[in-house]
N, C-alpha and C. Protein backbone atom coordinates (compact mmCIF):
# COMPACT_ATOMS: atom_id res chain seq x y z
N MET A 1 -4.94 7.77 -6.48
CA MET A 1 -5.07 9.61 -7.28
C MET A 1 -5.38 9.96 -8.92
N SER A 2 -6.52 11.16 -8.84
CA SER A 2 -6.44 11.27 -10.35
C SER A 2 -5.46 11.46 -11.16
N LYS A 3 -6.15 11.88 -12.55
CA LYS A 3 -5.04 12.10 -13.57
C LYS A 3 -5.63 13.18 -14.20
N THR A 4 -5.04 14.27 -14.48
CA THR A 4 -5.99 15.31 -14.63
C THR A 4 -4.25 16.41 -15.87
N ALA A 5 -5.02 16.36 -16.73
CA ALA A 5 -4.18 17.32 -17.97
C ALA A 5 -3.95 17.90 -17.06
N ALA A 6 -3.14 18.90 -17.49
CA ALA A 6 -3.09 20.53 -16.65
C ALA A 6 -3.04 21.64 -17.85
N PRO A 7 -3.96 21.93 -17.40
CA PRO A 7 -4.10 23.16 -18.80
C PRO A 7 -3.13 24.21 -18.30
N GLY A 8 -2.39 24.71 -18.90
CA GLY A 8 -1.96 25.86 -17.74
C GLY A 8 -0.78 25.89 -17.11
N LEU A 9 -0.13 24.67 -17.29
CA LEU A 9 1.22 23.95 -16.31
C LEU A 9 2.22 23.75 -17.22
N HIS A 10 2.58 24.08 -17.63
CA HIS A 10 2.97 24.15 -18.87
C HIS A 10 4.61 22.88 -18.08
N ILE A 11 5.15 22.36 -19.58
CA ILE A 11 6.26 21.64 -18.46
C ILE A 11 7.60 22.57 -18.27
N ASP A 12 8.14 23.42 -18.35
CA ASP A 12 9.07 24.28 -18.20
C ASP A 12 8.58 24.40 -16.26
N ASP A 13 7.02 24.72 -16.11
CA ASP A 13 6.44 25.10 -14.75
C ASP A 13 7.12 23.64 -13.98
N ARG A 14 6.32 22.61 -14.38
CA ARG A 14 6.72 21.80 -13.88
C ARG A 14 8.04 21.10 -13.32
N MET A 15 8.77 21.00 -14.25
CA MET A 15 10.51 21.28 -13.66
C MET A 15 10.83 21.95 -12.68
N VAL A 16 10.40 23.77 -12.93
CA VAL A 16 10.69 24.48 -11.86
C VAL A 16 9.86 24.22 -10.35
N VAL A 17 9.17 23.51 -9.82
CA VAL A 17 8.23 23.04 -9.26
C VAL A 17 8.61 21.85 -9.02
N ALA A 18 8.93 20.41 -9.67
CA ALA A 18 10.14 19.66 -8.99
C ALA A 18 11.54 19.96 -8.47
N ALA A 19 11.85 20.73 -9.33
CA ALA A 19 13.26 21.44 -8.50
C ALA A 19 13.12 21.89 -7.25
N ALA A 20 12.20 22.92 -7.40
CA ALA A 20 11.76 23.42 -5.57
C ALA A 20 10.71 22.00 -4.60
N LEU A 21 10.14 20.86 -5.44
CA LEU A 21 10.36 20.03 -4.02
C LEU A 21 11.69 19.64 -3.42
N ASP A 22 12.42 19.13 -5.01
CA ASP A 22 13.79 18.62 -4.14
C ASP A 22 14.39 19.27 -3.76
N ARG A 23 14.31 20.44 -3.15
CA ARG A 23 14.76 21.04 -2.72
C ARG A 23 14.51 21.24 -0.75
N ILE A 24 13.24 20.80 -1.19
CA ILE A 24 12.39 21.44 0.14
C ILE A 24 12.81 19.72 1.06
N LEU A 25 12.68 18.92 0.30
CA LEU A 25 12.58 17.18 0.80
C LEU A 25 13.97 16.66 0.89
N TYR A 26 14.62 17.20 0.14
CA TYR A 26 16.32 16.56 0.41
C TYR A 26 17.37 17.66 0.95
N ASP A 27 16.98 19.37 0.96
CA ASP A 27 18.04 19.84 1.03
C ASP A 27 18.83 19.55 2.43
N ASP A 28 17.44 20.30 3.34
CA ASP A 28 18.58 20.12 4.84
C ASP A 28 17.47 18.80 5.22
N HIS A 29 18.30 18.40 6.70
CA HIS A 29 17.31 17.19 7.31
C HIS A 29 16.13 17.55 8.41
N ASP A 30 16.82 19.32 8.26
CA ASP A 30 15.21 19.73 9.46
C ASP A 30 14.62 21.04 8.80
N ARG A 31 14.82 21.46 7.63
CA ARG A 31 14.38 23.49 7.87
C ARG A 31 14.60 23.02 5.99
N PHE A 32 12.95 23.94 5.52
CA PHE A 32 12.82 24.31 4.31
C PHE A 32 12.57 25.22 3.84
N ALA A 33 13.11 26.14 3.04
CA ALA A 33 12.70 27.50 2.43
C ALA A 33 11.32 27.67 2.30
N ALA A 34 10.81 28.90 3.44
CA ALA A 34 9.26 29.28 3.17
C ALA A 34 9.49 29.87 1.81
N GLU A 35 10.43 30.21 0.88
CA GLU A 35 9.68 31.16 -0.30
C GLU A 35 9.77 29.83 -1.65
N ASP A 36 10.57 28.43 -1.53
CA ASP A 36 10.05 27.29 -2.78
C ASP A 36 8.96 27.49 -1.92
N ALA A 37 8.42 26.44 -0.48
CA ALA A 37 6.98 26.61 -0.29
C ALA A 37 6.07 27.36 -1.26
N ARG A 38 6.30 29.18 -0.88
CA ARG A 38 5.53 29.92 -1.42
C ARG A 38 5.32 29.43 -2.99
N MET A 39 6.79 29.46 -3.39
CA MET A 39 6.10 29.26 -5.13
C MET A 39 5.75 28.46 -5.61
N VAL A 40 5.75 26.87 -4.72
CA VAL A 40 5.05 25.75 -5.25
C VAL A 40 3.26 25.87 -5.16
N ARG A 41 2.92 26.39 -4.31
CA ARG A 41 1.60 26.36 -3.91
C ARG A 41 0.93 27.70 -5.08
N ARG A 42 1.95 28.47 -4.69
CA ARG A 42 1.46 29.54 -6.52
C ARG A 42 1.19 28.81 -7.62
N MET A 43 2.11 27.35 -7.95
CA MET A 43 2.41 27.22 -9.16
C MET A 43 1.41 26.15 -9.19
N ILE A 44 0.70 25.87 -8.70
CA ILE A 44 -0.27 24.31 -8.45
C ILE A 44 -1.62 24.90 -8.16
N PRO A 45 -2.52 24.35 -9.19
CA PRO A 45 -3.36 24.78 -9.56
C PRO A 45 -4.34 24.31 -7.37
N HIS A 46 -5.14 25.09 -7.22
CA HIS A 46 -6.47 24.62 -6.14
C HIS A 46 -7.77 23.31 -6.56
N SER A 47 -7.52 22.88 -6.28
CA SER A 47 -8.65 21.69 -6.75
C SER A 47 -9.36 21.15 -5.43
N ARG A 48 -10.57 21.57 -5.55
CA ARG A 48 -11.35 21.28 -4.19
C ARG A 48 -11.37 19.68 -4.11
N SER A 49 -11.72 19.68 -2.54
CA SER A 49 -11.92 18.37 -1.60
C SER A 49 -12.99 18.00 -1.42
N SER A 50 -13.06 17.22 -1.50
CA SER A 50 -14.66 16.41 -0.55
C SER A 50 -14.05 16.81 1.19
N TRP A 51 -15.08 16.83 1.45
CA TRP A 51 -14.40 17.05 3.30
C TRP A 51 -14.25 15.37 3.75
N LEU A 52 -14.49 14.01 2.78
CA LEU A 52 -14.49 13.18 3.06
C LEU A 52 -13.75 12.31 1.98
N ARG A 53 -12.80 11.99 1.90
CA ARG A 53 -12.03 11.35 1.01
C ARG A 53 -11.24 9.80 1.96
N LEU A 54 -12.06 8.55 0.97
CA LEU A 54 -11.73 7.36 1.30
C LEU A 54 -11.40 6.94 0.22
N GLY A 55 -10.45 5.75 0.27
CA GLY A 55 -9.55 4.92 -0.78
C GLY A 55 -10.40 3.41 -0.19
N PHE A 56 -9.40 2.37 -1.06
CA PHE A 56 -9.88 0.91 -0.56
C PHE A 56 -8.80 0.26 -2.07
N ARG A 57 -8.47 -1.41 -0.73
CA ARG A 57 -7.56 -1.78 -1.99
C ARG A 57 -8.45 -3.08 -1.22
N ALA A 58 -8.23 -3.92 -2.08
CA ALA A 58 -9.36 -5.50 -2.59
C ALA A 58 -8.61 -6.24 -2.96
N GLU A 59 -7.59 -7.33 -1.78
CA GLU A 59 -7.26 -8.12 -2.30
C GLU A 59 -7.03 -9.61 -2.64
N THR A 60 -7.73 -10.33 -3.60
CA THR A 60 -7.97 -11.48 -3.57
C THR A 60 -7.33 -12.79 -4.35
N GLN A 61 -7.36 -13.74 -3.05
CA GLN A 61 -6.38 -14.78 -3.59
C GLN A 61 -7.09 -16.24 -4.88
N GLY A 62 -6.62 -16.57 -5.69
CA GLY A 62 -7.51 -17.31 -6.28
C GLY A 62 -7.59 -19.28 -5.75
N PRO A 63 -8.19 -19.37 -5.94
CA PRO A 63 -7.98 -21.13 -5.06
C PRO A 63 -6.70 -21.52 -4.86
N SER A 64 -5.89 -22.52 -4.78
CA SER A 64 -4.40 -23.08 -4.84
C SER A 64 -4.60 -24.60 -4.63
N MET A 65 -3.14 -25.24 -5.15
CA MET A 65 -4.22 -26.93 -5.26
C MET A 65 -1.94 -27.52 -4.54
N LYS A 66 -2.89 -28.53 -3.89
CA LYS A 66 -1.91 -29.15 -3.67
C LYS A 66 -2.04 -30.42 -4.15
N GLY A 67 -0.52 -31.57 -4.39
CA GLY A 67 -0.40 -32.59 -4.45
C GLY A 67 1.69 -32.88 -4.38
N GLU A 68 1.28 -34.06 -5.05
CA GLU A 68 2.46 -34.91 -5.28
C GLU A 68 3.70 -34.86 -6.91
N ALA A 69 3.81 -34.75 -6.76
CA ALA A 69 5.03 -34.17 -7.74
C ALA A 69 6.12 -36.22 -8.04
N ALA A 70 6.07 -36.29 -9.26
CA ALA A 70 7.17 -37.72 -9.02
C ALA A 70 8.46 -36.83 -8.64
N GLY A 71 9.53 -37.63 -8.48
CA GLY A 71 11.13 -36.88 -8.35
C GLY A 71 11.11 -35.84 -7.53
N VAL A 72 9.52 -35.52 -6.79
CA VAL A 72 9.83 -33.47 -6.11
C VAL A 72 9.18 -34.32 -4.93
N GLY A 73 8.30 -34.44 -4.73
CA GLY A 73 7.59 -34.97 -3.85
C GLY A 73 6.50 -33.64 -3.41
N ASP A 74 6.04 -32.81 -2.15
CA ASP A 74 4.90 -32.54 -2.22
C ASP A 74 5.19 -30.89 -2.64
N VAL A 75 4.04 -30.41 -3.31
CA VAL A 75 4.12 -29.20 -4.59
C VAL A 75 2.39 -28.50 -3.98
N ARG A 76 2.81 -27.06 -4.09
CA ARG A 76 1.48 -26.72 -4.00
C ARG A 76 1.73 -25.48 -4.58
N MET A 77 0.89 -25.07 -5.43
CA MET A 77 0.60 -23.84 -6.36
C MET A 77 -0.11 -23.06 -5.98
N GLU A 78 -0.27 -22.12 -5.69
CA GLU A 78 -1.15 -20.92 -5.28
C GLU A 78 -1.90 -19.91 -6.70
N GLY A 79 -2.70 -19.77 -6.59
CA GLY A 79 -3.84 -19.46 -7.38
C GLY A 79 -3.58 -18.01 -7.32
N ASP A 80 -4.02 -17.35 -8.63
CA ASP A 80 -3.25 -15.83 -8.96
C ASP A 80 -4.00 -14.71 -8.33
N LYS A 81 -3.38 -13.67 -8.11
CA LYS A 81 -4.23 -13.17 -7.14
C LYS A 81 -4.35 -11.36 -7.54
N LYS A 82 -6.08 -11.45 -7.78
CA LYS A 82 -6.41 -10.10 -7.89
C LYS A 82 -6.24 -9.30 -7.00
N VAL A 83 -5.74 -7.27 -7.31
CA VAL A 83 -6.26 -6.30 -7.07
C VAL A 83 -6.92 -5.67 -7.16
N MET A 84 -7.73 -4.98 -6.49
CA MET A 84 -8.77 -4.26 -6.83
C MET A 84 -8.89 -2.84 -6.17
N GLU A 85 -9.05 -1.73 -6.74
CA GLU A 85 -8.13 -0.33 -6.34
C GLU A 85 -9.56 0.67 -6.22
N GLY A 86 -9.63 1.26 -5.87
CA GLY A 86 -10.61 2.79 -5.28
C GLY A 86 -10.83 3.99 -4.90
N SER A 87 -11.18 4.73 -5.21
CA SER A 87 -11.25 5.74 -4.11
C SER A 87 -12.68 6.84 -4.39
N VAL A 88 -12.59 7.36 -3.35
CA VAL A 88 -13.94 8.47 -3.26
C VAL A 88 -13.67 9.89 -2.69
N GLY A 89 -13.86 10.76 -3.67
CA GLY A 89 -13.62 12.49 -2.46
C GLY A 89 -12.34 12.27 -2.93
N GLU A 90 -11.38 12.11 -4.63
CA GLU A 90 -10.61 12.18 -4.24
C GLU A 90 -10.20 13.83 -5.09
N SER A 91 -9.03 14.71 -4.89
CA SER A 91 -9.27 15.94 -5.89
C SER A 91 -8.22 15.93 -6.80
N ALA A 92 -7.92 16.64 -7.68
CA ALA A 92 -6.99 16.96 -9.19
C ALA A 92 -5.82 16.55 -8.33
N THR A 93 -4.74 16.07 -9.18
CA THR A 93 -3.69 15.70 -9.39
C THR A 93 -2.37 15.79 -9.96
N TRP A 94 -1.46 16.91 -9.87
CA TRP A 94 -0.31 17.37 -11.30
C TRP A 94 0.86 16.55 -11.03
N ARG A 95 1.29 16.43 -12.10
CA ARG A 95 2.58 15.11 -12.06
C ARG A 95 3.59 16.75 -12.14
N CYS A 96 4.98 16.54 -11.54
CA CYS A 96 5.44 17.56 -11.96
C CYS A 96 7.02 16.61 -11.69
N GLY A 97 7.95 16.17 -12.65
CA GLY A 97 9.23 15.29 -12.49
C GLY A 97 8.16 13.91 -11.74
N GLN A 98 8.90 14.31 -10.50
CA GLN A 98 8.82 12.79 -9.67
C GLN A 98 7.62 12.53 -8.58
N TYR A 99 7.11 13.88 -8.77
CA TYR A 99 5.82 13.85 -8.12
C TYR A 99 4.36 14.01 -8.43
N LYS A 100 4.05 13.46 -7.43
CA LYS A 100 2.13 14.13 -7.82
C LYS A 100 1.48 15.07 -7.47
N ILE A 101 0.99 16.34 -7.38
CA ILE A 101 1.19 16.71 -6.16
C ILE A 101 -0.21 17.46 -6.22
N THR A 102 -1.22 17.82 -5.09
CA THR A 102 -2.25 18.10 -5.16
C THR A 102 -2.39 19.10 -4.29
N ASN A 103 -3.31 20.48 -3.93
CA ASN A 103 -3.23 21.97 -3.70
C ASN A 103 -4.46 21.86 -2.79
N HIS A 104 -4.63 21.35 -1.49
CA HIS A 104 -6.07 21.57 -1.26
C HIS A 104 -6.27 22.75 -0.14
N GLY A 105 -5.07 23.78 -0.51
CA GLY A 105 -5.54 25.16 0.16
C GLY A 105 -4.99 25.25 1.13
N THR A 106 -5.30 24.52 2.02
CA THR A 106 -4.72 24.34 3.34
C THR A 106 -2.95 23.79 3.76
N ASP A 107 -3.18 23.03 2.49
CA ASP A 107 -1.45 21.99 2.74
C ASP A 107 -1.43 21.47 0.80
N LEU A 108 -0.26 21.46 0.73
CA LEU A 108 0.04 19.89 -0.82
C LEU A 108 0.35 18.89 -0.21
N GLU A 109 -0.63 18.12 -0.28
CA GLU A 109 -0.11 16.45 -0.43
C GLU A 109 0.90 16.60 -1.86
N ILE A 110 1.66 15.95 -1.53
CA ILE A 110 2.96 15.59 -2.16
C ILE A 110 3.43 13.88 -1.59
N TRP A 111 3.49 12.83 -3.25
CA TRP A 111 3.74 11.86 -3.37
C TRP A 111 4.72 11.60 -4.53
N GLN A 112 5.57 10.40 -3.98
CA GLN A 112 6.70 10.72 -5.50
C GLN A 112 5.39 9.66 -6.51
N VAL A 113 5.98 9.43 -7.91
CA VAL A 113 5.24 8.72 -8.70
C VAL A 113 4.56 7.02 -8.27
N MET A 114 6.03 6.66 -8.11
CA MET A 114 5.44 5.28 -8.37
C MET A 114 4.94 4.87 -6.89
N SER A 115 4.31 5.31 -5.38
CA SER A 115 4.63 5.66 -4.44
C SER A 115 2.48 5.90 -4.53
N ASP A 116 2.08 5.57 -2.95
CA ASP A 116 0.54 5.66 -3.34
C ASP A 116 0.37 5.31 -1.83
N GLU A 117 -0.41 5.82 -0.90
CA GLU A 117 -0.77 5.13 0.49
C GLU A 117 -0.79 3.79 0.34
N TYR A 118 -1.30 3.23 -0.94
CA TYR A 118 -1.38 1.61 -0.20
C TYR A 118 0.18 0.67 -1.12
N ALA A 119 1.45 1.62 -1.28
CA ALA A 119 2.49 0.73 -1.09
C ALA A 119 3.01 0.55 -0.49
N PRO A 120 4.11 -0.31 0.02
CA PRO A 120 4.20 -0.75 1.25
C PRO A 120 5.43 0.15 2.39
N GLU A 121 6.04 0.21 1.40
CA GLU A 121 6.78 1.58 2.04
C GLU A 121 5.85 2.59 1.73
N PRO A 122 4.48 3.40 1.90
CA PRO A 122 4.75 5.03 0.75
C PRO A 122 6.00 5.97 1.20
N LYS A 123 5.40 6.82 0.14
CA LYS A 123 6.42 7.54 -0.10
C LYS A 123 5.75 9.46 -0.15
N GLY A 124 5.17 9.51 1.14
CA GLY A 124 3.96 10.91 0.49
C GLY A 124 4.50 12.08 1.93
N ALA A 125 4.55 13.09 1.73
CA ALA A 125 4.05 14.15 2.57
C ALA A 125 3.54 15.18 2.03
N ARG A 126 2.89 16.06 2.95
CA ARG A 126 2.46 17.30 3.08
C ARG A 126 2.95 18.88 3.48
N LEU A 127 3.02 19.02 2.46
CA LEU A 127 3.52 20.29 3.79
C LEU A 127 1.58 21.85 3.37
N GLU A 128 2.15 21.78 4.47
CA GLU A 128 1.10 22.43 5.53
C GLU A 128 1.13 24.16 5.85
N PHE A 129 0.69 25.05 5.39
CA PHE A 129 0.37 25.99 5.85
C PHE A 129 -0.32 26.55 6.97
N ASP A 130 0.00 28.27 7.21
CA ASP A 130 -1.29 28.48 8.78
C ASP A 130 -2.12 29.50 7.76
N VAL A 131 -3.25 30.54 8.67
CA VAL A 131 -4.75 30.73 8.23
C VAL A 131 -3.84 31.92 7.06
N GLN A 132 -2.63 32.47 7.01
CA GLN A 132 -2.36 33.56 6.48
C GLN A 132 -1.12 32.98 5.06
N GLY A 133 -1.38 32.10 4.77
CA GLY A 133 -1.17 31.80 3.75
C GLY A 133 0.64 30.87 3.94
N GLU A 134 1.33 31.03 4.81
CA GLU A 134 2.72 31.12 5.15
C GLU A 134 2.85 29.78 5.23
N PRO A 135 3.95 28.95 5.09
CA PRO A 135 3.93 27.61 5.22
C PRO A 135 4.92 27.36 6.56
N GLU A 136 4.57 26.10 7.58
CA GLU A 136 4.55 26.11 8.57
C GLU A 136 5.34 24.79 8.57
N ARG A 137 4.71 23.59 7.75
CA ARG A 137 5.69 22.67 8.86
C ARG A 137 5.57 21.51 7.49
N LEU A 138 6.14 20.40 7.53
CA LEU A 138 6.47 19.36 6.20
C LEU A 138 6.30 17.76 7.60
N THR A 139 5.20 17.31 7.08
CA THR A 139 4.87 16.32 7.83
C THR A 139 5.07 14.92 6.18
N PHE A 140 5.33 13.94 7.07
CA PHE A 140 5.50 12.61 5.80
C PHE A 140 4.24 11.38 6.32
N PHE A 141 3.90 10.86 5.10
CA PHE A 141 2.77 9.92 5.55
C PHE A 141 3.69 8.76 6.51
N GLN A 142 2.43 8.37 7.03
CA GLN A 142 3.03 7.28 8.29
C GLN A 142 1.77 6.36 8.65
N PRO A 143 1.37 5.13 7.97
CA PRO A 143 0.20 4.48 7.63
C PRO A 143 0.53 3.20 9.25
N ARG A 144 -0.80 3.31 9.45
CA ARG A 144 -1.10 2.40 10.57
C ARG A 144 -2.19 1.18 10.05
N ASP A 145 -1.57 -0.10 10.24
CA ASP A 145 -2.03 -0.96 9.10
C ASP A 145 -2.76 -2.12 10.38
N ILE A 146 -4.00 -2.14 10.67
CA ILE A 146 -4.84 -3.10 10.71
C ILE A 146 -5.25 -4.08 10.48
N GLU A 147 -5.72 -5.67 11.18
CA GLU A 147 -5.77 -6.61 10.33
C GLU A 147 -7.06 -7.48 11.27
N LEU A 148 -7.92 -7.37 10.30
CA LEU A 148 -9.06 -7.97 11.02
C LEU A 148 -9.21 -9.43 10.33
N ARG A 149 -8.92 -10.74 10.88
CA ARG A 149 -9.24 -11.75 10.45
C ARG A 149 -10.57 -11.94 11.42
N ILE A 150 -11.73 -12.69 10.10
CA ILE A 150 -12.55 -13.68 10.25
C ILE A 150 -12.13 -15.20 10.72
N PRO A 151 -12.80 -15.48 12.02
CA PRO A 151 -13.16 -16.70 12.92
C PRO A 151 -13.05 -17.68 12.02
N PHE A 152 -12.60 -18.94 11.97
CA PHE A 152 -13.21 -19.94 10.98
C PHE A 152 -13.41 -20.05 9.55
N THR A 153 -12.35 -19.36 8.94
CA THR A 153 -12.08 -18.45 8.07
C THR A 153 -10.65 -18.61 7.15
N SER A 154 -11.14 -18.40 5.96
CA SER A 154 -9.21 -17.97 5.86
C SER A 154 -9.42 -16.84 5.61
N LEU A 155 -10.54 -15.62 5.78
CA LEU A 155 -10.31 -13.90 5.30
C LEU A 155 -10.24 -13.72 6.21
N ALA A 156 -9.36 -12.46 5.66
CA ALA A 156 -8.76 -11.43 5.91
C ALA A 156 -9.32 -10.03 6.10
N ILE A 157 -9.58 -9.12 6.58
CA ILE A 157 -10.06 -7.98 6.31
C ILE A 157 -8.48 -6.75 7.24
N GLY A 158 -7.91 -5.87 5.79
CA GLY A 158 -7.02 -4.87 6.34
C GLY A 158 -7.45 -3.47 6.08
N VAL A 159 -6.66 -3.23 6.88
CA VAL A 159 -7.56 -1.37 7.33
C VAL A 159 -6.07 -0.80 7.39
N ARG A 160 -6.38 0.48 6.59
CA ARG A 160 -4.56 1.12 6.94
C ARG A 160 -5.31 2.26 7.40
N LEU A 161 -4.90 2.79 7.71
CA LEU A 161 -5.31 3.98 8.28
C LEU A 161 -4.06 5.23 8.29
N GLY A 162 -4.44 6.31 7.60
CA GLY A 162 -3.18 7.10 7.33
C GLY A 162 -2.99 8.46 8.38
N GLY A 163 -1.89 8.60 8.59
CA GLY A 163 -1.41 9.86 9.83
C GLY A 163 -0.22 10.84 9.33
N TRP A 164 0.01 11.57 9.55
CA TRP A 164 0.50 12.85 9.26
C TRP A 164 1.59 12.66 10.33
N GLN A 165 2.93 12.41 10.10
CA GLN A 165 3.79 12.71 10.98
C GLN A 165 4.67 13.54 10.85
N PRO A 166 5.43 14.25 11.86
CA PRO A 166 6.40 15.73 12.24
C PRO A 166 7.49 14.99 11.45
N TRP A 167 8.14 16.32 10.26
CA TRP A 167 9.38 16.21 9.55
C TRP A 167 10.45 16.94 9.83
N LYS A 168 9.89 18.11 9.11
CA LYS A 168 10.35 19.52 9.38
C LYS A 168 9.52 20.74 9.29
N LEU A 169 10.40 22.00 9.67
CA LEU A 169 10.23 22.95 10.04
C LEU A 169 10.32 24.06 8.96
N VAL A 170 9.98 25.24 8.74
CA VAL A 170 10.51 26.52 8.08
C VAL A 170 11.61 26.90 8.46
N ALA A 171 12.56 27.04 7.53
CA ALA A 171 13.93 27.85 7.87
C ALA A 171 13.32 29.67 8.69
N SER A 172 13.76 29.91 9.69
CA SER A 172 13.54 31.45 10.04
C SER A 172 13.95 32.33 8.78
């Protein structure tokens, strides 16, 4: 996610948004307050999002060595791991407390600061609104990982497909 300075989103506003998100995410297991969702949507500036968003993460392992060490026996040393990440079509993200938030118009995408789509256990949620702008539901990010091994090599290509699963509904 991109890092954008937030003109017009003051520290007090960010604290109010973070408190509302805490209530939405943690107060009740099955429901959230519609007014909290409306308020967060009003306060977070809308950002244009492209019709296609792609992200990638590539990991490479450096060469490894193995041999024998006196008094120890067989020894194997792994090479350094290099990680490259990138994305295309990302929208502006706003930091409020422990959250990163993007307002796509029809939904608010919410991530914990130390998490993203590539984390081993990603912590993301999406607050969805209907065509009238009323909050409908909250979903959570549940990835599906696919690994494609290239025969007769040590290469593998991992693909993470994002999916949003139902979590909570708006309180009546």
